[in-house]
């Protein structure tokens, strides 16, 4: 059996053990059943609520906000990364601020964002975008700055235009870093939107988690958490599929 299959089986075993613990722990009394309900009840409750249509508007609201903030973060972060890569002086000036960027308490500014944009989805999108954009920018700049000099010299010796250099030399070499930025942007966008929905929304999966928790509706709370996990799995799965296709094309 190949090493890859062993790794996959080990990963599946870890997931299986965790799922089994979620089922057994509440029933065996290892955790407070008021805090955690068995996995089978979570799945059944999620299915029932999804079939009734009660979860649909919340899932769509969260997914839409995540996709908007993610798209904005990827586009602006990629552009900013190119600028940082091109301007060594700007990178030197901003580097200490970028290194400590995630120490900034973004949610402390939500009252200001409400004043600027109103009580709607824009403050949430801005917060999620602010979370994700720097990860995309930094990884893009790192990817382009670490292209091997030998590849650049070969491109120049072949007389490639700047656009051809970007397409055939820089982008393929920077793909691993760019996709790292994309994966981090997905995580930060989801975190930013879901956390913002706790305090800035009357709809969405984050709001549903908070509302259900406050009213001791464990089924609704865990159903919302399950859908958040499903959303993250779908987005990361699409990224992994896209990344795999790019690597196979290069090979």
Foldseek 3Di string as FASTA:
>chain_A
DDPVVVVVVVVVVVVVVVLVCLQVCCVVVVDPCLVGPHPVLLVVLLVVCVVVVVCVQQLVVLLVLLVVLLVVLQVLLLVLLVVCLVDVVVCVVCVVCLVCVVVDPLVVCLVVVCVVPNLDSVSLSVQLNSQQNSLQSVLNNVQQNPFDPVLVVVCVVVVHDPVRCVVPGRCVSSVVSNLSSSLSSSVSSSVSNLVCCCPRHPGHLSVQLNVCVVVSNVSSNSSSVVSSVVSSCVSVVVSVVVSVVSVVVVD
